[in-house]
Amino acid sequence: MAAAESKSTSYVALQIEHSLTAELTDIEKKLPVCHSAVITGEKMQKYLLIAIGGALGSIARYWVGSIITSKMGTSFPYGTALINITACVMIGFSLTFLANRASLSPAWGFLVPIGFVGAYSTFSTYEWETLSTIEAGTYMLGAAYAAGSFLLGLIAVWAGSSIAKIR
């Protein structure tokens, strides 16, 4: 599952990176000599936005999970289910909104879908990539990705748990 999560985050990051790179190219063309400092500054901004979003997403995940667990109990993972579903809404909204609003800086993509939603839940990235693959017309690939990620993730969790039980 970790490999799938890493690929998911990388896929979303590459989409946003592509938008940001195009914007940086325009900036570089306007600068006379010292454009490498702008690129370094933009890269630093990207990591700072991811870190801020990640911190806020982690706090939100803990807060939502704690509140739901205190109200609903632990007989079913209601908090995790709510987090995963709300994260899917957030990533679907934020990536679509950012893609359709050319006037917004692509840097927002680092703060919200990668930073905040990425820390809040990686399940949403998995679902977004599954949808994107299906919408691209590669239905079998989308189905294989969804089923394979679920099955391999379950096997990986079982394997990790089994290894931890070895004395």
Foldseek 3Di string as FASTA:
>chain_A
DVVLLVVLLVVLVVVLVVQQVVVLVVVVVVDDPPSVVVVVVVVVLLVVLLQVLQVQQQVVLVVQQVVCCVVPNDPDSPSVVVLLVVLLVQLVVVVVVPVPCSVDRSSVSSNGNNRNSSNSDSSNSLVVVLVVCVVVVNPVVSVCSVVVCVVVVVVVVVVVVVVVPDD
